[in-house]
Amino acid sequence: MKIIRAVEFGHDAKLKISKIFVDGLYQWLRFFSKDKNKLQKAFTHMFNLDVFYVAVIDGGIAGMAACTDGKAASVHLQRKELKKHLGFLMGTITYYILKNQFEQKPYPFEIERGVGAVEFVATSNEFRGQGVATAMMKHIIDSSPYDEYVLEVADTNTIAVRLYEKLGYKEFLRIKHKHSKRSGVDYLVYMKYSKKNAIMK
């Protein structure tokens, strides 16, 4: 396994990342379309490869994760692309719902200088349970310039929560999810990792 910046992967990096994104969030994305192939094409355009890392196994992308300064967007939705693949009405609905959630939704706290925001951590279905997410998270900590890292995770995603705890992340905030009945998520959990605390241990 090799972890590299997504911009180093090649011309089809966005398409492969989009597939992992759709597979990982399909239970929510199926509201916009039940056709995974259509969803994959609709979201291919949106990834900012400058802030994404990918895990490469046998020449393919096995996992992805983004890390930003909390100000630069890791994804940028284009209404034209969504309408092209999902149709005028559903493309427009998708744009307004996800634009707010992915780009315009501020963190419920200020991301300070020296703090990295880790987002969109996901592993391909084919490689789950093989340590891909752990390798990516460790690589981000080792190779990026931040002193601390924050991330958001659904309380119901217990596998991810346990992984982050094992890596040294600590919960510092929990907020009730506004659409818990529809999403199946009760709380959004915010966790933080400090390089300083890790060294002191």
C-alpha atoms as a PDB file:
ATOM      1  CA  MET A   1       0.000   0.000   0.000  1.00  0.00           C
ATOM      2  CA  LYS A   2       1.235   3.475  -0.872  1.00  0.00           C
ATOM      3  CA  ILE A   3      -0.322   6.776   0.291  1.00  0.00           C
ATOM      4  CA  ILE A   4       0.043   9.675  -2.155  1.00  0.00           C
ATOM      5  CA  ARG A   5      -1.570  13.014  -2.886  1.00  0.00           C
ATOM      6  CA  ALA A   6      -4.556  12.529  -5.201  1.00  0.00           C
ATOM      7  CA  VAL A   7      -3.078  14.972  -7.753  1.00  0.00           C
ATOM      8  CA  GLU A   8      -0.210  12.505  -8.234  1.00  0.00           C
ATOM      9  CA  PHE A   9      -2.440   9.582  -9.157  1.00  0.00           C
ATOM     10  CA  GLY A  10      -3.426  10.426 -12.704  1.00  0.00           C
ATOM     11  CA  HIS A  11      -6.243  11.557 -14.945  1.00  0.00           C
ATOM     12  CA  ASP A  12      -8.981   9.259 -13.590  1.00  0.00           C
ATOM     13  CA  ALA A  13      -8.393   9.983  -9.887  1.00  0.00           C
ATOM     14  CA  LYS A  14     -11.658  11.900  -9.537  1.00  0.00           C
ATOM     15  CA  LEU A  15     -13.700   9.092 -11.081  1.00  0.00           C
ATOM     16  CA  LYS A  16     -12.195   6.472  -8.760  1.00  0.00           C
ATOM     17  CA  ILE A  17     -12.604   8.711  -5.706  1.00  0.00           C
ATOM     18  CA  SER A  18     -16.221   9.353  -6.664  1.00  0.00           C
ATOM     19  CA  LYS A  19     -16.923   5.614  -6.734  1.00  0.00           C
ATOM     20  CA  ILE A  20     -15.625   5.204  -3.173  1.00  0.00           C
ATOM     21  CA  PHE A  21     -17.588   8.288  -2.103  1.00  0.00           C
ATOM     22  CA  VAL A  22     -20.842   6.915  -3.534  1.00  0.00           C
ATOM     23  CA  ASP A  23     -20.302   3.433  -2.090  1.00  0.00           C
ATOM     24  CA  GLY A  24     -19.600   4.878   1.343  1.00  0.00           C
ATOM     25  CA  LEU A  25     -22.538   7.288   1.453  1.00  0.00           C
ATOM     26  CA  TYR A  26     -25.007   5.380  -0.698  1.00  0.00           C
ATOM     27  CA  GLN A  27     -27.623   4.978   2.037  1.00  0.00           C
ATOM     28  CA  TRP A  28     -27.980   8.775   2.046  1.00  0.00           C
ATOM     29  CA  LEU A  29     -27.184   9.522  -1.610  1.00  0.00           C
ATOM     30  CA  ARG A  30     -29.808   7.066  -2.897  1.00  0.00           C
ATOM     31  CA  PHE A  31     -32.393   9.783  -2.169  1.00  0.00           C
ATOM     32  CA  PHE A  32     -31.024  11.597  -5.243  1.00  0.00           C
ATOM     33  CA  SER A  33     -30.736   8.466  -7.408  1.00  0.00           C
ATOM     34  CA  LYS A  34     -30.705   4.723  -6.810  1.00  0.00           C
ATOM     35  CA  ASP A  35     -28.355   4.291  -9.787  1.00  0.00           C
ATOM     36  CA  LYS A  36     -24.811   4.145  -8.360  1.00  0.00           C
ATOM     37  CA  ASN A  37     -23.212   4.622 -11.771  1.00  0.00           C
ATOM     38  CA  LYS A  38     -25.232   7.788 -12.350  1.00  0.00           C
ATOM     39  CA  LEU A  39     -24.307   9.118  -8.908  1.00  0.00           C
ATOM     40  CA  GLN A  40     -20.647   8.363  -9.487  1.00  0.00           C
ATOM     41  CA  LYS A  41     -20.628  10.380 -12.720  1.00  0.00           C
ATOM     42  CA  ALA A  42     -22.620  13.210 -11.123  1.00  0.00           C
ATOM     43  CA  PHE A  43     -20.108  13.720  -8.311  1.00  0.00           C
ATOM     44  CA  THR A  44     -16.861  13.087 -10.206  1.00  0.00           C
ATOM     45  CA  HIS A  45     -16.343  16.798 -10.891  1.00  0.00           C
ATOM     46  CA  MET A  46     -16.471  18.030  -7.294  1.00  0.00           C
ATOM     47  CA  PHE A  47     -13.263  16.786  -5.640  1.00  0.00           C
ATOM     48  CA  ASN A  48     -10.412  19.227  -4.957  1.00  0.00           C
ATOM     49  CA  LEU A  49      -7.507  16.860  -5.588  1.00  0.00           C
ATOM     50  CA  ASP A  50      -5.026  19.295  -4.026  1.00  0.00           C
ATOM     51  CA  VAL A  51      -6.303  18.422  -0.533  1.00  0.00           C
ATOM     52  CA  PHE A  52      -7.080  14.714  -0.999  1.00  0.00           C
ATOM     53  CA  TYR A  53      -4.841  11.764  -0.188  1.00  0.00           C
ATOM     54  CA  VAL A  54      -5.391   8.314  -1.682  1.00  0.00           C
ATOM     55  CA  ALA A  55      -4.243   4.842  -0.697  1.00  0.00           C
ATOM     56  CA  VAL A  56      -3.004   2.945  -3.745  1.00  0.00           C
ATOM     57  CA  ILE A  57      -3.007  -0.852  -3.908  1.00  0.00           C
ATOM     58  CA  ASP A  58      -2.158  -2.753  -7.110  1.00  0.00           C
ATOM     59  CA  GLY A  59      -2.483   0.434  -9.134  1.00  0.00           C
ATOM     60  CA  GLY A  60      -6.003   1.253  -7.943  1.00  0.00           C
ATOM     61  CA  ILE A  61      -7.375   3.610  -5.305  1.00  0.00           C
ATOM     62  CA  ALA A  62      -8.308   1.684  -2.165  1.00  0.00           C
ATOM     63  CA  GLY A  63      -9.190   4.645   0.045  1.00  0.00           C
ATOM     64  CA  MET A  64      -9.377   8.412   0.275  1.00  0.00           C
ATOM     65  CA  ALA A  65      -9.233  11.221   2.818  1.00  0.00           C
ATOM     66  CA  ALA A  66      -9.003  14.997   2.641  1.00  0.00           C
ATOM     67  CA  CYS A  67      -7.168  17.377   4.960  1.00  0.00           C
ATOM     68  CA  THR A  68      -7.613  21.145   4.729  1.00  0.00           C
ATOM     69  CA  ASP A  69      -7.008  24.241   6.824  1.00  0.00           C
ATOM     70  CA  GLY A  70     -10.762  24.387   7.462  1.00  0.00           C
ATOM     71  CA  LYS A  71     -11.178  27.243   5.005  1.00  0.00           C
ATOM     72  CA  ALA A  72     -10.316  25.715   1.633  1.00  0.00           C
ATOM     73  CA  ALA A  73     -13.194  23.532   0.415  1.00  0.00           C
ATOM     74  CA  SER A  74     -12.349  19.888  -0.209  1.00  0.00           C
ATOM     75  CA  VAL A  75     -15.260  19.630  -2.646  1.00  0.00           C
ATOM     76  CA  HIS A  76     -16.914  22.143  -4.968  1.00  0.00           C
ATOM     77  CA  LEU A  77     -20.316  21.292  -6.420  1.00  0.00           C
ATOM     78  CA  GLN A  78     -21.343  22.532  -9.861  1.00  0.00           C
ATOM     79  CA  ARG A  79     -25.049  22.693 -10.520  1.00  0.00           C
ATOM     80  CA  LYS A  80     -24.500  22.237 -14.275  1.00  0.00           C
ATOM     81  CA  GLU A  81     -22.768  18.869 -13.754  1.00  0.00           C
ATOM     82  CA  LEU A  82     -25.394  17.606 -11.310  1.00  0.00           C
ATOM     83  CA  LYS A  83     -28.252  18.539 -13.665  1.00  0.00           C
ATOM     84  CA  LYS A  84     -26.408  16.887 -16.565  1.00  0.00           C
ATOM     85  CA  HIS A  85     -26.343  13.505 -14.816  1.00  0.00           C
ATOM     86  CA  LEU A  86     -29.344  13.628 -12.471  1.00  0.00           C
ATOM     87  CA  GLY A  87     -31.782  15.692 -14.529  1.00  0.00           C
ATOM     88  CA  PHE A  88     -32.898  19.301 -14.105  1.00  0.00           C
ATOM     89  CA  LEU A  89     -35.112  18.867 -11.040  1.00  0.00           C
ATOM     90  CA  MET A  90     -33.115  16.324  -9.051  1.00  0.00           C
ATOM     91  CA  GLY A  91     -29.822  17.908 -10.055  1.00  0.00           C
ATOM     92  CA  THR A  92     -31.033  21.251  -8.720  1.00  0.00           C
ATOM     93  CA  ILE A  93     -32.301  19.675  -5.475  1.00  0.00           C
ATOM     94  CA  THR A  94     -29.013  17.811  -5.017  1.00  0.00           C
ATOM     95  CA  TYR A  95     -27.047  21.004  -5.566  1.00  0.00           C
ATOM     96  CA  TYR A  96     -28.886  23.037  -2.950  1.00  0.00           C
ATOM     97  CA  ILE A  97     -28.985  20.291  -0.309  1.00  0.00           C
ATOM     98  CA  LEU A  98     -25.358  19.181  -0.633  1.00  0.00           C
ATOM     99  CA  LYS A  99     -23.904  22.630  -1.373  1.00  0.00           C
ATOM    100  CA  ASN A 100     -25.121  23.689   2.046  1.00  0.00           C
ATOM    101  CA  GLN A 101     -23.931  20.506   3.735  1.00  0.00           C
ATOM    102  CA  PHE A 102     -20.528  20.155   2.070  1.00  0.00           C
ATOM    103  CA  GLU A 103     -19.427  23.724   1.327  1.00  0.00           C
ATOM    104  CA  GLN A 104     -21.453  26.352   3.143  1.00  0.00           C
ATOM    105  CA  LYS A 105     -21.963  24.512   6.426  1.00  0.00           C
ATOM    106  CA  PRO A 106     -19.475  26.022   8.858  1.00  0.00           C
ATOM    107  CA  TYR A 107     -18.027  23.955  11.638  1.00  0.00           C
ATOM    108  CA  PRO A 108     -19.814  24.699  14.928  1.00  0.00           C
ATOM    109  CA  PHE A 109     -16.492  26.113  16.138  1.00  0.00           C
ATOM    110  CA  GLU A 110     -13.680  28.218  14.726  1.00  0.00           C
ATOM    111  CA  ILE A 111     -10.873  26.262  13.062  1.00  0.00           C
ATOM    112  CA  GLU A 112      -7.769  27.995  14.363  1.00  0.00           C
ATOM    113  CA  ARG A 113      -4.415  28.448  12.682  1.00  0.00           C
ATOM    114  CA  GLY A 114      -2.351  25.263  12.889  1.00  0.00           C
ATOM    115  CA  VAL A 115      -5.405  22.968  12.911  1.00  0.00           C
ATOM    116  CA  GLY A 116      -6.182  20.613  10.041  1.00  0.00           C
ATOM    117  CA  ALA A 117      -9.718  19.483   9.217  1.00  0.00           C
ATOM    118  CA  VAL A 118      -9.884  15.825   8.157  1.00  0.00           C
ATOM    119  CA  GLU A 119     -12.836  15.047   5.886  1.00  0.00           C
ATOM    120  CA  PHE A 120     -14.301  12.370   3.584  1.00  0.00           C
ATOM    121  CA  VAL A 121     -12.381   9.415   5.025  1.00  0.00           C
ATOM    122  CA  ALA A 122     -13.564   6.333   3.139  1.00  0.00           C
ATOM    123  CA  THR A 123     -12.319   2.937   1.999  1.00  0.00           C
ATOM    124  CA  SER A 124     -13.303   0.998  -1.103  1.00  0.00           C
ATOM    125  CA  ASN A 125     -15.678  -1.889  -0.372  1.00  0.00           C
ATOM    126  CA  GLU A 126     -13.062  -4.260  -1.780  1.00  0.00           C
ATOM    127  CA  PHE A 127     -10.404  -3.245   0.764  1.00  0.00           C
ATOM    128  CA  ARG A 128     -12.344  -2.671   3.965  1.00  0.00           C
ATOM    129  CA  GLY A 129     -10.913  -4.250   7.090  1.00  0.00           C
ATOM    130  CA  GLN A 130      -7.361  -4.185   5.718  1.00  0.00           C
ATOM    131  CA  GLY A 131      -6.049  -1.116   7.576  1.00  0.00           C
ATOM    132  CA  VAL A 132      -6.446   1.334   4.704  1.00  0.00           C
ATOM    133  CA  ALA A 133      -8.135   4.092   6.721  1.00  0.00           C
ATOM    134  CA  THR A 134      -5.618   3.711   9.551  1.00  0.00           C
ATOM    135  CA  ALA A 135      -2.696   4.034   7.123  1.00  0.00           C
ATOM    136  CA  MET A 136      -4.171   7.152   5.528  1.00  0.00           C
ATOM    137  CA  MET A 137      -4.905   8.836   8.856  1.00  0.00           C
ATOM    138  CA  LYS A 138      -1.370   8.152  10.111  1.00  0.00           C
ATOM    139  CA  HIS A 139       0.118   9.427   6.853  1.00  0.00           C
ATOM    140  CA  ILE A 140      -1.849  12.674   7.072  1.00  0.00           C
ATOM    141  CA  ILE A 141      -0.603  13.272  10.623  1.00  0.00           C
ATOM    142  CA  ASP A 142       2.995  12.465   9.652  1.00  0.00           C
ATOM    143  CA  SER A 143       3.134  14.436   6.401  1.00  0.00           C
ATOM    144  CA  SER A 144       0.929  17.522   6.880  1.00  0.00           C
ATOM    145  CA  PRO A 145       2.052  20.644   8.760  1.00  0.00           C
ATOM    146  CA  TYR A 146      -0.704  20.924  11.374  1.00  0.00           C
ATOM    147  CA  ASP A 147      -0.274  20.675  15.147  1.00  0.00           C
ATOM    148  CA  GLU A 148      -3.832  19.456  15.739  1.00  0.00           C
ATOM    149  CA  TYR A 149      -6.524  17.754  13.658  1.00  0.00           C
ATOM    150  CA  VAL A 150     -10.298  17.807  13.953  1.00  0.00           C
ATOM    151  CA  LEU A 151     -12.937  15.678  12.278  1.00  0.00           C
ATOM    152  CA  GLU A 152     -16.674  15.100  12.273  1.00  0.00           C
ATOM    153  CA  VAL A 153     -18.189  11.625  12.484  1.00  0.00           C
ATOM    154  CA  ALA A 154     -21.721  10.306  12.940  1.00  0.00           C
ATOM    155  CA  ASP A 155     -22.301   8.705  16.334  1.00  0.00           C
ATOM    156  CA  THR A 156     -23.834   5.701  14.583  1.00  0.00           C
ATOM    157  CA  ASN A 157     -20.599   5.062  12.654  1.00  0.00           C
ATOM    158  CA  THR A 158     -19.155   3.127  15.576  1.00  0.00           C
ATOM    159  CA  ILE A 159     -16.413   1.462  13.506  1.00  0.00           C
ATOM    160  CA  ALA A 160     -15.001   4.861  12.509  1.00  0.00           C
ATOM    161  CA  VAL A 161     -15.323   6.244  16.054  1.00  0.00           C
ATOM    162  CA  ARG A 162     -13.358   3.294  17.448  1.00  0.00           C
ATOM    163  CA  LEU A 163     -10.694   3.714  14.760  1.00  0.00           C
ATOM    164  CA  TYR A 164     -10.230   7.401  15.538  1.00  0.00           C
ATOM    165  CA  GLU A 165     -10.084   6.709  19.268  1.00  0.00           C
ATOM    166  CA  LYS A 166      -7.424   4.060  18.669  1.00  0.00           C
ATOM    167  CA  LEU A 167      -5.389   6.624  16.711  1.00  0.00           C
ATOM    168  CA  GLY A 168      -5.563   9.066  19.628  1.00  0.00           C
ATOM    169  CA  TYR A 169      -8.519  11.262  18.711  1.00  0.00           C
ATOM    170  CA  LYS A 170     -10.659  12.479  21.605  1.00  0.00           C
ATOM    171  CA  GLU A 171     -14.288  13.623  21.473  1.00  0.00           C
ATOM    172  CA  PHE A 172     -14.697  17.266  22.469  1.00  0.00           C
ATOM    173  CA  LEU A 173     -18.153  18.162  21.145  1.00  0.00           C
ATOM    174  CA  ARG A 174     -21.405  16.369  20.342  1.00  0.00           C
ATOM    175  CA  ILE A 175     -24.322  18.051  18.562  1.00  0.00           C
ATOM    176  CA  LYS A 176     -27.810  16.672  17.970  1.00  0.00           C
ATOM    177  CA  HIS A 177     -28.395  16.022  14.267  1.00  0.00           C
ATOM    178  CA  LYS A 178     -31.238  18.102  12.841  1.00  0.00           C
ATOM    179  CA  HIS A 179     -32.586  15.389  10.542  1.00  0.00           C
ATOM    180  CA  SER A 180     -31.959  12.313  12.689  1.00  0.00           C
ATOM    181  CA  LYS A 181     -35.091  10.444  11.621  1.00  0.00           C
ATOM    182  CA  ARG A 182     -34.288  10.781   7.933  1.00  0.00           C
ATOM    183  CA  SER A 183     -30.543  10.198   8.217  1.00  0.00           C
ATOM    184  CA  GLY A 184     -30.464   7.632  11.022  1.00  0.00           C
ATOM    185  CA  VAL A 185     -27.783   9.734  12.751  1.00  0.00           C
ATOM    186  CA  ASP A 186     -28.532  10.885  16.295  1.00  0.00           C
ATOM    187  CA  TYR A 187     -25.480  13.068  16.948  1.00  0.00           C
ATOM    188  CA  LEU A 188     -22.567  14.549  15.045  1.00  0.00           C
ATOM    189  CA  VAL A 189     -19.435  13.871  17.067  1.00  0.00           C
ATOM    190  CA  TYR A 190     -16.390  16.139  16.803  1.00  0.00           C
ATOM    191  CA  MET A 191     -13.006  14.676  17.679  1.00  0.00           C
ATOM    192  CA  LYS A 192      -9.526  16.168  18.017  1.00  0.00           C
ATOM    193  CA  TYR A 193      -5.988  14.826  17.780  1.00  0.00           C
ATOM    194  CA  SER A 194      -2.980  16.743  19.172  1.00  0.00           C
ATOM    195  CA  LYS A 195       0.588  15.952  18.089  1.00  0.00           C
ATOM    196  CA  LYS A 196       1.823  17.562  21.299  1.00  0.00           C
ATOM    197  CA  ASN A 197      -0.282  15.248  23.479  1.00  0.00           C
ATOM    198  CA  ALA A 198       0.820  12.241  21.444  1.00  0.00           C
ATOM    199  CA  ILE A 199       4.508  13.115  21.965  1.00  0.00           C
ATOM    200  CA  MET A 200       4.013  13.621  25.698  1.00  0.00           C
ATOM    201  CA  LYS A 201       2.633  10.075  25.971  1.00  0.00           C
END
